[in-house]
Amino acid sequence: MKSAAVKHSREGDHAITYELRFTRCGKKGCDREHGPYWYAYWTAGGRVRTVYVGKKFRTVASFKPELLEKEWPPC
């Protein structure tokens, strides 16, 4: 997995790192890396959270603000 770009952002109480990376699809016989795709990473509840953002960059708060709630994911 290769990283193509990294952006840092502050959204509410969270410092979020956005990474543009190439990934493997996992299909049998496919050795290509696909993408690049944006992923977001932040820490909440003592754990690192990750979410797929997509081919085009957008902030987590713009499409899934509930992910940034302190109680997410519910127990």
PDB file of N, CA and C in Angstrom:
ATOM      1  N   MET A   1       0.845  -1.163   0.000  1.00  0.00           N
ATOM      2  CA  MET A   1       0.000   0.000   0.000  1.00  0.00           C
ATOM      3  C   MET A   1       0.895   1.232   0.000  1.00  0.00           C
ATOM      4  N   LYS A   2       0.749   2.048  -1.005  1.00  0.00           N
ATOM      5  CA  LYS A   2       1.538   3.269  -1.126  1.00  0.00           C
ATOM      6  C   LYS A   2       0.693   4.479  -0.775  1.00  0.00           C
ATOM      7  N   SER A   3       1.310   5.424  -0.088  1.00  0.00           N
ATOM      8  CA  SER A   3       0.636   6.670   0.240  1.00  0.00           C
ATOM      9  C   SER A   3       1.022   7.717  -0.793  1.00  0.00           C
ATOM     10  N   ALA A   4       0.025   8.449  -1.300  1.00  0.00           N
ATOM     11  CA  ALA A   4       0.291   9.443  -2.329  1.00  0.00           C
ATOM     12  C   ALA A   4       0.293  10.860  -1.769  1.00  0.00           C
ATOM     13  N   ALA A   5      -0.492  11.122  -0.716  1.00  0.00           N
ATOM     14  CA  ALA A   5      -0.579  12.460  -0.134  1.00  0.00           C
ATOM     15  C   ALA A   5      -1.178  12.366   1.259  1.00  0.00           C
ATOM     16  N   VAL A   6      -0.869  13.348   2.074  1.00  0.00           N
ATOM     17  CA  VAL A   6      -1.417  13.406   3.433  1.00  0.00           C
ATOM     18  C   VAL A   6      -1.862  14.835   3.718  1.00  0.00           C
ATOM     19  N   LYS A   7      -3.035  14.982   4.334  1.00  0.00           N
ATOM     20  CA  LYS A   7      -3.539  16.284   4.774  1.00  0.00           C
ATOM     21  C   LYS A   7      -3.920  16.160   6.240  1.00  0.00           C
ATOM     22  N   HIS A   8      -3.758  17.239   6.987  1.00  0.00           N
ATOM     23  CA  HIS A   8      -4.147  17.260   8.394  1.00  0.00           C
ATOM     24  C   HIS A   8      -5.243  18.297   8.577  1.00  0.00           C
ATOM     25  N   SER A   9      -6.195  17.983   9.455  1.00  0.00           N
ATOM     26  CA  SER A   9      -7.334  18.867   9.666  1.00  0.00           C
ATOM     27  C   SER A   9      -7.755  18.807  11.128  1.00  0.00           C
ATOM     28  N   ARG A  10      -8.427  19.829  11.576  1.00  0.00           N
ATOM     29  CA  ARG A  10      -9.013  19.846  12.924  1.00  0.00           C
ATOM     30  C   ARG A  10     -10.517  20.027  12.741  1.00  0.00           C
ATOM     31  N   GLU A  11     -11.292  19.030  13.188  1.00  0.00           N
ATOM     32  CA  GLU A  11     -12.744  19.066  13.063  1.00  0.00           C
ATOM     33  C   GLU A  11     -13.344  18.833  14.438  1.00  0.00           C
ATOM     34  N   GLY A  12     -13.887  19.863  15.019  1.00  0.00           N
ATOM     35  CA  GLY A  12     -14.435  19.762  16.369  1.00  0.00           C
ATOM     36  C   GLY A  12     -13.328  19.434  17.356  1.00  0.00           C
ATOM     37  N   ASP A  13     -13.507  18.360  18.100  1.00  0.00           N
ATOM     38  CA  ASP A  13     -12.519  17.930  19.093  1.00  0.00           C
ATOM     39  C   ASP A  13     -11.469  16.996  18.512  1.00  0.00           C
ATOM     40  N   HIS A  14     -11.507  16.731  17.239  1.00  0.00           N
ATOM     41  CA  HIS A  14     -10.642  15.711  16.644  1.00  0.00           C
ATOM     42  C   HIS A  14      -9.603  16.293  15.689  1.00  0.00           C
ATOM     43  N   ALA A  15      -8.391  15.796  15.822  1.00  0.00           N
ATOM     44  CA  ALA A  15      -7.346  16.060  14.830  1.00  0.00           C
ATOM     45  C   ALA A  15      -7.425  14.896  13.854  1.00  0.00           C
ATOM     46  N   ILE A  16      -7.700  15.194  12.602  1.00  0.00           N
ATOM     47  CA  ILE A  16      -7.911  14.148  11.608  1.00  0.00           C
ATOM     48  C   ILE A  16      -6.798  14.198  10.572  1.00  0.00           C
ATOM     49  N   THR A  17      -6.285  13.014  10.245  1.00  0.00           N
ATOM     50  CA  THR A  17      -5.300  12.881   9.184  1.00  0.00           C
ATOM     51  C   THR A  17      -5.981  12.229   7.999  1.00  0.00           C
ATOM     52  N   TYR A  18      -5.870  12.854   6.846  1.00  0.00           N
ATOM     53  CA  TYR A  18      -6.415  12.305   5.604  1.00  0.00           C
ATOM     54  C   TYR A  18      -5.251  11.789   4.778  1.00  0.00           C
ATOM     55  N   GLU A  19      -5.393  10.566   4.275  1.00  0.00           N
ATOM     56  CA  GLU A  19      -4.316   9.960   3.495  1.00  0.00           C
ATOM     57  C   GLU A  19      -4.867   9.496   2.152  1.00  0.00           C
ATOM     58  N   LEU A  20      -4.203   9.877   1.092  1.00  0.00           N
ATOM     59  CA  LEU A  20      -4.527   9.425  -0.257  1.00  0.00           C
ATOM     60  C   LEU A  20      -3.619   8.241  -0.528  1.00  0.00           C
ATOM     61  N   ARG A  21      -4.218   7.058  -0.691  1.00  0.00           N
ATOM     62  CA  ARG A  21      -3.376   5.870  -0.837  1.00  0.00           C
ATOM     63  C   ARG A  21      -3.909   4.913  -1.891  1.00  0.00           C
ATOM     64  N   PHE A  22      -3.012   4.079  -2.355  1.00  0.00           N
ATOM     65  CA  PHE A  22      -3.344   3.017  -3.296  1.00  0.00           C
ATOM     66  C   PHE A  22      -3.597   1.750  -2.485  1.00  0.00           C
ATOM     67  N   THR A  23      -4.583   0.946  -2.896  1.00  0.00           N
ATOM     68  CA  THR A  23      -4.901  -0.284  -2.174  1.00  0.00           C
ATOM     69  C   THR A  23      -5.049  -1.442  -3.148  1.00  0.00           C
ATOM     70  N   ARG A  24      -4.946  -2.621  -2.613  1.00  0.00           N
ATOM     71  CA  ARG A  24      -5.168  -3.837  -3.411  1.00  0.00           C
ATOM     72  C   ARG A  24      -6.615  -4.275  -3.212  1.00  0.00           C
ATOM     73  N   CYS A  25      -7.241  -4.799  -4.272  1.00  0.00           N
ATOM     74  CA  CYS A  25      -8.657  -5.164  -4.199  1.00  0.00           C
ATOM     75  C   CYS A  25      -8.877  -6.505  -3.500  1.00  0.00           C
ATOM     76  N   GLY A  26      -7.893  -7.378  -3.510  1.00  0.00           N
ATOM     77  CA  GLY A  26      -8.019  -8.673  -2.845  1.00  0.00           C
ATOM     78  C   GLY A  26      -8.570  -9.780  -3.735  1.00  0.00           C
ATOM     79  N   LYS A  27      -8.880  -9.448  -4.988  1.00  0.00           N
ATOM     80  CA  LYS A  27      -9.377 -10.479  -5.892  1.00  0.00           C
ATOM     81  C   LYS A  27      -8.252 -11.443  -6.242  1.00  0.00           C
ATOM     82  N   LYS A  28      -8.603 -12.704  -6.377  1.00  0.00           N
ATOM     83  CA  LYS A  28      -7.629 -13.730  -6.727  1.00  0.00           C
ATOM     84  C   LYS A  28      -7.008 -13.408  -8.087  1.00  0.00           C
ATOM     85  N   GLY A  29      -5.694 -13.410  -8.140  1.00  0.00           N
ATOM     86  CA  GLY A  29      -4.992 -13.164  -9.389  1.00  0.00           C
ATOM     87  C   GLY A  29      -4.770 -11.696  -9.723  1.00  0.00           C
ATOM     88  N   CYS A  30      -5.288 -10.777  -8.917  1.00  0.00           N
ATOM     89  CA  CYS A  30      -5.101  -9.352  -9.188  1.00  0.00           C
ATOM     90  C   CYS A  30      -3.948  -8.838  -8.346  1.00  0.00           C
ATOM     91  N   ASP A  31      -2.894  -8.422  -9.006  1.00  0.00           N
ATOM     92  CA  ASP A  31      -1.726  -7.890  -8.309  1.00  0.00           C
ATOM     93  C   ASP A  31      -1.620  -6.378  -8.431  1.00  0.00           C
ATOM     94  N   ARG A  32      -2.614  -5.746  -9.056  1.00  0.00           N
ATOM     95  CA  ARG A  32      -2.596  -4.290  -9.241  1.00  0.00           C
ATOM     96  C   ARG A  32      -2.938  -3.558  -7.958  1.00  0.00           C
ATOM     97  N   GLU A  33      -2.427  -2.358  -7.856  1.00  0.00           N
ATOM     98  CA  GLU A  33      -2.881  -1.452  -6.806  1.00  0.00           C
ATOM     99  C   GLU A  33      -3.876  -0.494  -7.446  1.00  0.00           C
ATOM    100  N   HIS A  34      -5.022  -0.312  -6.807  1.00  0.00           N
ATOM    101  CA  HIS A  34      -6.088   0.525  -7.335  1.00  0.00           C
ATOM    102  C   HIS A  34      -6.129   1.850  -6.582  1.00  0.00           C
ATOM    103  N   GLY A  35      -6.737   2.832  -7.191  1.00  0.00           N
ATOM    104  CA  GLY A  35      -6.861   4.117  -6.508  1.00  0.00           C
ATOM    105  C   GLY A  35      -6.182   5.213  -7.303  1.00  0.00           C
ATOM    106  N   PRO A  36      -5.786   6.230  -6.633  1.00  0.00           N
ATOM    107  CA  PRO A  36      -5.717   6.389  -5.177  1.00  0.00           C
ATOM    108  C   PRO A  36      -7.075   6.735  -4.574  1.00  0.00           C
ATOM    109  N   TYR A  37      -7.258   6.363  -3.295  1.00  0.00           N
ATOM    110  CA  TYR A  37      -8.471   6.632  -2.545  1.00  0.00           C
ATOM    111  C   TYR A  37      -8.119   7.380  -1.263  1.00  0.00           C
ATOM    112  N   TRP A  38      -9.016   8.255  -0.816  1.00  0.00           N
ATOM    113  CA  TRP A  38      -8.815   9.001   0.431  1.00  0.00           C
ATOM    114  C   TRP A  38      -9.362   8.203   1.607  1.00  0.00           C
ATOM    115  N   TYR A  39      -8.595   8.176   2.698  1.00  0.00           N
ATOM    116  CA  TYR A  39      -9.002   7.586   3.967  1.00  0.00           C
ATOM    117  C   TYR A  39      -8.757   8.619   5.059  1.00  0.00           C
ATOM    118  N   ALA A  40      -9.584   8.584   6.107  1.00  0.00           N
ATOM    119  CA  ALA A  40      -9.420   9.503   7.238  1.00  0.00           C
ATOM    120  C   ALA A  40      -9.118   8.691   8.491  1.00  0.00           C
ATOM    121  N   TYR A  41      -8.238   9.217   9.353  1.00  0.00           N
ATOM    122  CA  TYR A  41      -7.845   8.578  10.607  1.00  0.00           C
ATOM    123  C   TYR A  41      -7.929   9.589  11.737  1.00  0.00           C
ATOM    124  N   TRP A  42      -8.466   9.184  12.895  1.00  0.00           N
ATOM    125  CA  TRP A  42      -8.470  10.017  14.093  1.00  0.00           C
ATOM    126  C   TRP A  42      -8.572   9.103  15.301  1.00  0.00           C
ATOM    127  N   THR A  43      -8.317   9.644  16.476  1.00  0.00           N
ATOM    128  CA  THR A  43      -8.388   8.873  17.708  1.00  0.00           C
ATOM    129  C   THR A  43      -9.632   9.277  18.484  1.00  0.00           C
ATOM    130  N   ALA A  44     -10.405   8.294  18.920  1.00  0.00           N
ATOM    131  CA  ALA A  44     -11.599   8.532  19.735  1.00  0.00           C
ATOM    132  C   ALA A  44     -11.766   7.354  20.682  1.00  0.00           C
ATOM    133  N   GLY A  45     -12.009   7.652  21.937  1.00  0.00           N
ATOM    134  CA  GLY A  45     -12.193   6.576  22.915  1.00  0.00           C
ATOM    135  C   GLY A  45     -10.962   5.720  23.087  1.00  0.00           C
ATOM    136  N   GLY A  46      -9.775   6.306  22.873  1.00  0.00           N
ATOM    137  CA  GLY A  46      -8.530   5.561  23.020  1.00  0.00           C
ATOM    138  C   GLY A  46      -8.204   4.635  21.863  1.00  0.00           C
ATOM    139  N   ARG A  47      -8.987   4.707  20.778  1.00  0.00           N
ATOM    140  CA  ARG A  47      -8.750   3.840  19.619  1.00  0.00           C
ATOM    141  C   ARG A  47      -8.627   4.677  18.357  1.00  0.00           C
ATOM    142  N   VAL A  48      -7.873   4.180  17.413  1.00  0.00           N
ATOM    143  CA  VAL A  48      -7.749   4.858  16.123  1.00  0.00           C
ATOM    144  C   VAL A  48      -8.940   4.449  15.259  1.00  0.00           C
ATOM    145  N   ARG A  49      -9.643   5.437  14.746  1.00  0.00           N
ATOM    146  CA  ARG A  49     -10.797   5.209  13.867  1.00  0.00           C
ATOM    147  C   ARG A  49     -10.376   5.483  12.430  1.00  0.00           C
ATOM    148  N   THR A  50     -10.937   4.728  11.513  1.00  0.00           N
ATOM    149  CA  THR A  50     -10.634   4.883  10.092  1.00  0.00           C
ATOM    150  C   THR A  50     -11.934   4.875   9.314  1.00  0.00           C
ATOM    151  N   VAL A  51     -12.012   5.712   8.293  1.00  0.00           N
ATOM    152  CA  VAL A  51     -13.174   5.692   7.413  1.00  0.00           C
ATOM    153  C   VAL A  51     -12.710   5.955   5.983  1.00  0.00           C
ATOM    154  N   TYR A  52     -13.324   5.227   5.050  1.00  0.00           N
ATOM    155  CA  TYR A  52     -13.076   5.435   3.627  1.00  0.00           C
ATOM    156  C   TYR A  52     -13.789   6.706   3.218  1.00  0.00           C
ATOM    157  N   VAL A  53     -13.083   7.626   2.579  1.00  0.00           N
ATOM    158  CA  VAL A  53     -13.661   8.903   2.156  1.00  0.00           C
ATOM    159  C   VAL A  53     -14.095   8.848   0.695  1.00  0.00           C
ATOM    160  N   GLY A  54     -13.289   8.247  -0.168  1.00  0.00           N
ATOM    161  CA  GLY A  54     -13.646   8.114  -1.581  1.00  0.00           C
ATOM    162  C   GLY A  54     -12.540   8.582  -2.500  1.00  0.00           C
ATOM    163  N   LYS A  55     -12.841   8.631  -3.779  1.00  0.00           N
ATOM    164  CA  LYS A  55     -11.848   9.064  -4.768  1.00  0.00           C
ATOM    165  C   LYS A  55     -11.624  10.561  -4.704  1.00  0.00           C
ATOM    166  N   LYS A  56     -12.673  11.312  -4.368  1.00  0.00           N
ATOM    167  CA  LYS A  56     -12.551  12.773  -4.262  1.00  0.00           C
ATOM    168  C   LYS A  56     -12.438  13.157  -2.792  1.00  0.00           C
ATOM    169  N   PHE A  57     -11.589  14.145  -2.501  1.00  0.00           N
ATOM    170  CA  PHE A  57     -11.397  14.572  -1.126  1.00  0.00           C
ATOM    171  C   PHE A  57     -12.616  15.310  -0.599  1.00  0.00           C
ATOM    172  N   ARG A  58     -13.022  14.987   0.626  1.00  0.00           N
ATOM    173  CA  ARG A  58     -14.040  15.728   1.370  1.00  0.00           C
ATOM    174  C   ARG A  58     -13.794  15.445   2.843  1.00  0.00           C
ATOM    175  N   THR A  59     -14.194  16.343   3.689  1.00  0.00           N
ATOM    176  CA  THR A  59     -13.957  16.158   5.115  1.00  0.00           C
ATOM    177  C   THR A  59     -14.989  15.188   5.692  1.00  0.00           C
ATOM    178  N   VAL A  60     -14.619  14.509   6.760  1.00  0.00           N
ATOM    179  CA  VAL A  60     -15.534  13.584   7.416  1.00  0.00           C
ATOM    180  C   VAL A  60     -16.776  14.330   7.898  1.00  0.00           C
ATOM    181  N   ALA A  61     -16.583  15.521   8.439  1.00  0.00           N
ATOM    182  CA  ALA A  61     -17.711  16.307   8.939  1.00  0.00           C
ATOM    183  C   ALA A  61     -18.703  16.665   7.837  1.00  0.00           C
ATOM    184  N   SER A  62     -18.260  16.706   6.595  1.00  0.00           N
ATOM    185  CA  SER A  62     -19.153  17.080   5.495  1.00  0.00           C
ATOM    186  C   SER A  62     -20.049  15.929   5.029  1.00  0.00           C
ATOM    187  N   PHE A  63     -19.658  14.666   5.273  1.00  0.00           N
ATOM    188  CA  PHE A  63     -20.497  13.573   4.799  1.00  0.00           C
ATOM    189  C   PHE A  63     -20.903  12.580   5.877  1.00  0.00           C
ATOM    190  N   LYS A  64     -20.226  12.535   7.013  1.00  0.00           N
ATOM    191  CA  LYS A  64     -20.590  11.632   8.111  1.00  0.00           C
ATOM    192  C   LYS A  64     -20.280  12.277   9.451  1.00  0.00           C
ATOM    193  N   PRO A  65     -20.924  13.357   9.814  1.00  0.00           N
ATOM    194  CA  PRO A  65     -20.596  14.034  11.074  1.00  0.00           C
ATOM    195  C   PRO A  65     -20.816  13.169  12.302  1.00  0.00           C
ATOM    196  N   GLU A  66     -21.723  12.188  12.212  1.00  0.00           N
ATOM    197  CA  GLU A  66     -21.979  11.318  13.366  1.00  0.00           C
ATOM    198  C   GLU A  66     -20.756  10.477  13.741  1.00  0.00           C
ATOM    199  N   LEU A  67     -19.845  10.278  12.813  1.00  0.00           N
ATOM    200  CA  LEU A  67     -18.631   9.513  13.110  1.00  0.00           C
ATOM    201  C   LEU A  67     -17.735  10.240  14.102  1.00  0.00           C
ATOM    202  N   LEU A  68     -17.870  11.548  14.192  1.00  0.00           N
ATOM    203  CA  LEU A  68     -17.015  12.337  15.069  1.00  0.00           C
ATOM    204  C   LEU A  68     -17.591  12.504  16.466  1.00  0.00           C
ATOM    205  N   GLU A  69     -18.774  11.925  16.720  1.00  0.00           N
ATOM    206  CA  GLU A  69     -19.360  12.006  18.048  1.00  0.00           C
ATOM    207  C   GLU A  69     -18.528  11.176  19.017  1.00  0.00           C
ATOM    208  N   LYS A  70     -18.411  11.630  20.222  1.00  0.00           N
ATOM    209  CA  LYS A  70     -17.574  10.963  21.221  1.00  0.00           C
ATOM    210  C   LYS A  70     -18.037   9.552  21.539  1.00  0.00           C
ATOM    211  N   GLU A  71     -19.342   9.277  21.428  1.00  0.00           N
ATOM    212  CA  GLU A  71     -19.874   7.976  21.794  1.00  0.00           C
ATOM    213  C   GLU A  71     -19.784   6.954  20.659  1.00  0.00           C
ATOM    214  N   TRP A  72     -19.319   7.375  19.489  1.00  0.00           N
ATOM    215  CA  TRP A  72     -19.293   6.452  18.349  1.00  0.00           C
ATOM    216  C   TRP A  72     -18.100   5.527  18.433  1.00  0.00           C
ATOM    217  N   PRO A  73     -18.178   4.262  18.116  1.00  0.00           N
ATOM    218  CA  PRO A  73     -19.423   3.539  17.845  1.00  0.00           C
ATOM    219  C   PRO A  73     -20.120   3.166  19.142  1.00  0.00           C
ATOM    220  N   PRO A  74     -21.425   3.045  19.123  1.00  0.00           N
ATOM    221  CA  PRO A  74     -22.138   2.704  20.355  1.00  0.00           C
ATOM    222  C   PRO A  74     -21.766   1.296  20.801  1.00  0.00           C
ATOM    223  N   CYS A  75     -21.731   1.098  22.092  1.00  0.00           N
ATOM    224  CA  CYS A  75     -21.352  -0.205  22.660  1.00  0.00           C
ATOM    225  C   CYS A  75     -22.500  -1.186  22.593  1.00  0.00           C
TER     226      CYS A  75
END
